[in-house]
C-alpha atoms as a PDB file:
ATOM      1  CA  MET A   1       0.013  -0.029   0.015  1.00  0.00           C
ATOM      2  CA  SER A   2       1.219   3.493  -0.719  1.00  0.00           C
ATOM      3  CA  GLU A   3       2.001   6.030   2.012  1.00  0.00           C
ATOM      4  CA  THR A   4      -1.378   7.715   1.607  1.00  0.00           C
ATOM      5  CA  THR A   5      -2.774   9.108   4.816  1.00  0.00           C
ATOM      6  CA  TYR A   6      -6.529   8.839   5.558  1.00  0.00           C
ATOM      7  CA  PHE A   7      -8.999  10.218   8.017  1.00  0.00           C
ATOM      8  CA  PHE A   8     -10.373   7.225   9.922  1.00  0.00           C
ATOM      9  CA  ASP A   9     -14.082   7.456  10.574  1.00  0.00           C
ATOM     10  CA  THR A  10     -15.459   5.345  13.389  1.00  0.00           C
ATOM     11  CA  TYR A  11     -16.944   3.034  10.796  1.00  0.00           C
ATOM     12  CA  ALA A  12     -13.462   2.334   9.477  1.00  0.00           C
ATOM     13  CA  PHE A  13     -12.146   1.484  12.916  1.00  0.00           C
ATOM     14  CA  PHE A  14     -14.911  -1.081  13.418  1.00  0.00           C
ATOM     15  CA  GLU A  15     -14.327  -2.699  10.022  1.00  0.00           C
ATOM     16  CA  ILE A  16     -10.606  -2.969  10.764  1.00  0.00           C
ATOM     17  CA  LEU A  17     -11.337  -4.449  14.166  1.00  0.00           C
ATOM     18  CA  LYS A  18     -13.827  -6.956  12.703  1.00  0.00           C
ATOM     19  CA  GLY A  19     -11.259  -8.052  10.169  1.00  0.00           C
ATOM     20  CA  ASN A  20     -13.241  -6.942   7.106  1.00  0.00           C
ATOM     21  CA  GLN A  21     -11.110  -8.101   4.175  1.00  0.00           C
ATOM     22  CA  TYR A  22     -11.724  -4.846   2.317  1.00  0.00           C
ATOM     23  CA  TYR A  23     -10.221  -2.857   5.194  1.00  0.00           C
ATOM     24  CA  LYS A  24      -7.190  -5.153   5.663  1.00  0.00           C
ATOM     25  CA  LYS A  25      -4.997  -2.855   3.589  1.00  0.00           C
ATOM     26  CA  PHE A  26      -5.743   0.039   5.961  1.00  0.00           C
ATOM     27  CA  GLU A  27      -4.554  -1.740   9.135  1.00  0.00           C
ATOM     28  CA  GLN A  28      -1.077  -0.295   8.682  1.00  0.00           C
ATOM     29  CA  ALA A  29      -2.045   2.847   6.801  1.00  0.00           C
ATOM     30  CA  LYS A  30      -1.187   6.293   8.122  1.00  0.00           C
ATOM     31  CA  GLY A  31      -4.194   8.089   9.484  1.00  0.00           C
ATOM     32  CA  ILE A  32      -5.749  10.744  11.665  1.00  0.00           C
ATOM     33  CA  THR A  33      -8.962  10.963  13.617  1.00  0.00           C
ATOM     34  CA  THR A  34     -10.680  13.105  16.221  1.00  0.00           C
ATOM     35  CA  LEU A  35     -11.475  12.673  19.880  1.00  0.00           C
ATOM     36  CA  PHE A  36     -15.131  12.517  18.873  1.00  0.00           C
ATOM     37  CA  ASN A  37     -14.520   9.415  16.741  1.00  0.00           C
ATOM     38  CA  LEU A  38     -12.584   7.728  19.553  1.00  0.00           C
ATOM     39  CA  ALA A  39     -15.465   8.556  21.932  1.00  0.00           C
ATOM     40  CA  GLU A  40     -17.887   6.883  19.540  1.00  0.00           C
ATOM     41  CA  LEU A  41     -15.585   3.884  19.229  1.00  0.00           C
ATOM     42  CA  ASN A  42     -15.123   3.528  22.975  1.00  0.00           C
ATOM     43  CA  PHE A  43     -18.826   3.870  23.722  1.00  0.00           C
ATOM     44  CA  ALA A  44     -19.849   1.349  21.110  1.00  0.00           C
ATOM     45  CA  LEU A  45     -17.207  -1.171  22.317  1.00  0.00           C
ATOM     46  CA  LYS A  46     -18.391  -0.756  25.887  1.00  0.00           C
ATOM     47  CA  ARG A  47     -22.004  -1.172  24.794  1.00  0.00           C
ATOM     48  CA  GLU A  48     -20.963  -4.416  23.149  1.00  0.00           C
ATOM     49  CA  LYS A  49     -19.375  -5.340  26.505  1.00  0.00           C
ATOM     50  CA  LYS A  50     -15.887  -5.548  24.993  1.00  0.00           C
ATOM     51  CA  MET A  51     -13.484  -6.021  27.880  1.00  0.00           C
ATOM     52  CA  LEU A  52     -10.712  -4.315  25.964  1.00  0.00           C
ATOM     53  CA  ALA A  53     -12.659  -1.183  24.960  1.00  0.00           C
ATOM     54  CA  ASP A  54     -10.280   1.200  26.708  1.00  0.00           C
ATOM     55  CA  GLN A  55      -7.196  -0.609  25.528  1.00  0.00           C
ATOM     56  CA  ILE A  56      -8.430  -0.587  21.891  1.00  0.00           C
ATOM     57  CA  THR A  57      -9.273   3.116  22.142  1.00  0.00           C
ATOM     58  CA  LYS A  58      -5.817   3.918  23.536  1.00  0.00           C
ATOM     59  CA  LYS A  59      -4.275   2.078  20.573  1.00  0.00           C
ATOM     60  CA  TYR A  60      -5.585   4.804  18.304  1.00  0.00           C
ATOM     61  CA  GLU A  61      -4.725   7.723  20.532  1.00  0.00           C
ATOM     62  CA  SER A  62      -1.666   8.648  18.490  1.00  0.00           C
ATOM     63  CA  LEU A  63      -3.913   9.406  15.523  1.00  0.00           C
ATOM     64  CA  LEU A  64      -5.657  12.314  17.226  1.00  0.00           C
ATOM     65  CA  VAL A  65      -5.631  15.776  15.703  1.00  0.00           C
ATOM     66  CA  ASP A  66      -6.981  18.991  17.166  1.00  0.00           C
ATOM     67  CA  VAL A  67     -10.434  20.289  16.284  1.00  0.00           C
ATOM     68  CA  SER A  68     -10.799  24.078  16.187  1.00  0.00           C
ATOM     69  CA  THR A  69     -13.854  26.196  16.750  1.00  0.00           C
ATOM     70  CA  GLU A  70     -13.711  26.994  13.027  1.00  0.00           C
ATOM     71  CA  ASP A  71     -13.796  23.279  12.228  1.00  0.00           C
ATOM     72  CA  VAL A  72     -16.900  22.879  14.453  1.00  0.00           C
ATOM     73  CA  MET A  73     -18.686  25.857  12.847  1.00  0.00           C
ATOM     74  CA  GLN A  74     -17.949  24.556   9.317  1.00  0.00           C
ATOM     75  CA  ALA A  75     -18.992  21.025  10.335  1.00  0.00           C
ATOM     76  CA  MET A  76     -22.310  22.173  11.724  1.00  0.00           C
ATOM     77  CA  SER A  77     -23.007  24.163   8.505  1.00  0.00           C
ATOM     78  CA  PHE A  78     -22.155  20.988   6.557  1.00  0.00           C
ATOM     79  CA  ARG A  79     -24.446  18.971   8.850  1.00  0.00           C
ATOM     80  CA  MET A  80     -27.300  21.400   8.159  1.00  0.00           C
ATOM     81  CA  GLN A  81     -27.044  20.295   4.528  1.00  0.00           C
ATOM     82  CA  HIS A  82     -26.602  16.596   5.395  1.00  0.00           C
ATOM     83  CA  ARG A  83     -28.930  16.104   8.363  1.00  0.00           C
ATOM     84  CA  LYS A  84     -28.534  12.353   8.634  1.00  0.00           C
ATOM     85  CA  LEU A  85     -24.880  12.718   9.628  1.00  0.00           C
ATOM     86  CA  SER A  86     -23.832  12.525  13.268  1.00  0.00           C
ATOM     87  CA  ILE A  87     -21.898  15.386  14.766  1.00  0.00           C
ATOM     88  CA  PRO A  88     -18.645  13.325  14.898  1.00  0.00           C
ATOM     89  CA  ASP A  89     -19.150  12.377  11.227  1.00  0.00           C
ATOM     90  CA  ALA A  90     -19.622  15.979  10.137  1.00  0.00           C
ATOM     91  CA  ILE A  91     -16.623  17.153  12.155  1.00  0.00           C
ATOM     92  CA  GLY A  92     -14.476  14.312  10.830  1.00  0.00           C
ATOM     93  CA  TYR A  93     -15.388  15.079   7.241  1.00  0.00           C
ATOM     94  CA  ILE A  94     -14.374  18.719   7.678  1.00  0.00           C
ATOM     95  CA  ILE A  95     -11.111  17.734   9.403  1.00  0.00           C
ATOM     96  CA  ALA A  96     -10.299  15.374   6.511  1.00  0.00           C
ATOM     97  CA  LYS A  97     -11.005  18.189   4.068  1.00  0.00           C
ATOM     98  CA  ARG A  98      -8.853  20.638   6.010  1.00  0.00           C
ATOM     99  CA  HIS A  99      -5.959  18.160   5.977  1.00  0.00           C
ATOM    100  CA  HIS A 100      -6.515  17.294   2.271  1.00  0.00           C
ATOM    101  CA  LEU A 101      -7.157  13.636   3.136  1.00  0.00           C
ATOM    102  CA  LYS A 102      -9.653  10.983   2.015  1.00  0.00           C
ATOM    103  CA  PHE A 103     -12.374  10.341   4.559  1.00  0.00           C
ATOM    104  CA  LEU A 104     -12.319   6.511   5.019  1.00  0.00           C
ATOM    105  CA  THR A 105     -15.728   5.092   5.746  1.00  0.00           C
ATOM    106  CA  GLY A 106     -18.433   2.674   4.667  1.00  0.00           C
ATOM    107  CA  ASP A 107     -21.217   4.862   6.048  1.00  0.00           C
ATOM    108  CA  LYS A 108     -23.821   5.081   3.278  1.00  0.00           C
ATOM    109  CA  GLU A 109     -24.390   8.803   3.977  1.00  0.00           C
ATOM    110  CA  PHE A 110     -20.931   9.496   2.516  1.00  0.00           C
ATOM    111  CA  LYS A 111     -21.182   7.257  -0.548  1.00  0.00           C
ATOM    112  CA  ASN A 112     -21.380  10.003  -3.162  1.00  0.00           C
ATOM    113  CA  LEU A 113     -19.559  12.831  -1.408  1.00  0.00           C
ATOM    114  CA  PRO A 114     -16.226  14.113  -2.715  1.00  0.00           C
ATOM    115  CA  ASN A 115     -12.947  13.200  -0.950  1.00  0.00           C
ATOM    116  CA  VAL A 116     -14.390   9.988   0.435  1.00  0.00           C
ATOM    117  CA  GLU A 117     -12.810   6.532   0.246  1.00  0.00           C
ATOM    118  CA  TYR A 118     -16.081   4.596   0.481  1.00  0.00           C
ATOM    119  CA  ILE A 119     -15.599   0.892   1.193  1.00  0.00           C
ATOM    120  CA  LYS A 120     -18.383  -1.351   2.395  1.00  0.00           C
END
């Protein structure tokens, strides 16, 4: 795989953790994410009663990037146009755009948006 860097949406983390064959190539890829995505990941893992939820979340801590107030404002404007998106999804998409990265996800709401690496 090339040295391409991606923004990892929470969806991507789950597919990697589940061993989805289509996400295998992203296991060692460079990437970034936000605290909001790690919060979603941690909560969902705990809801599934995964004993290693905190350990798994810590594994991705090095991928964190800062989110500015400007990012939040742009993301909420974006979300007004795409109301089915969650707040973390909207913020993540804007962060990916700011960093000139592909937004890695299989979330159907992103299927036809620009700068998205959509993999189901």
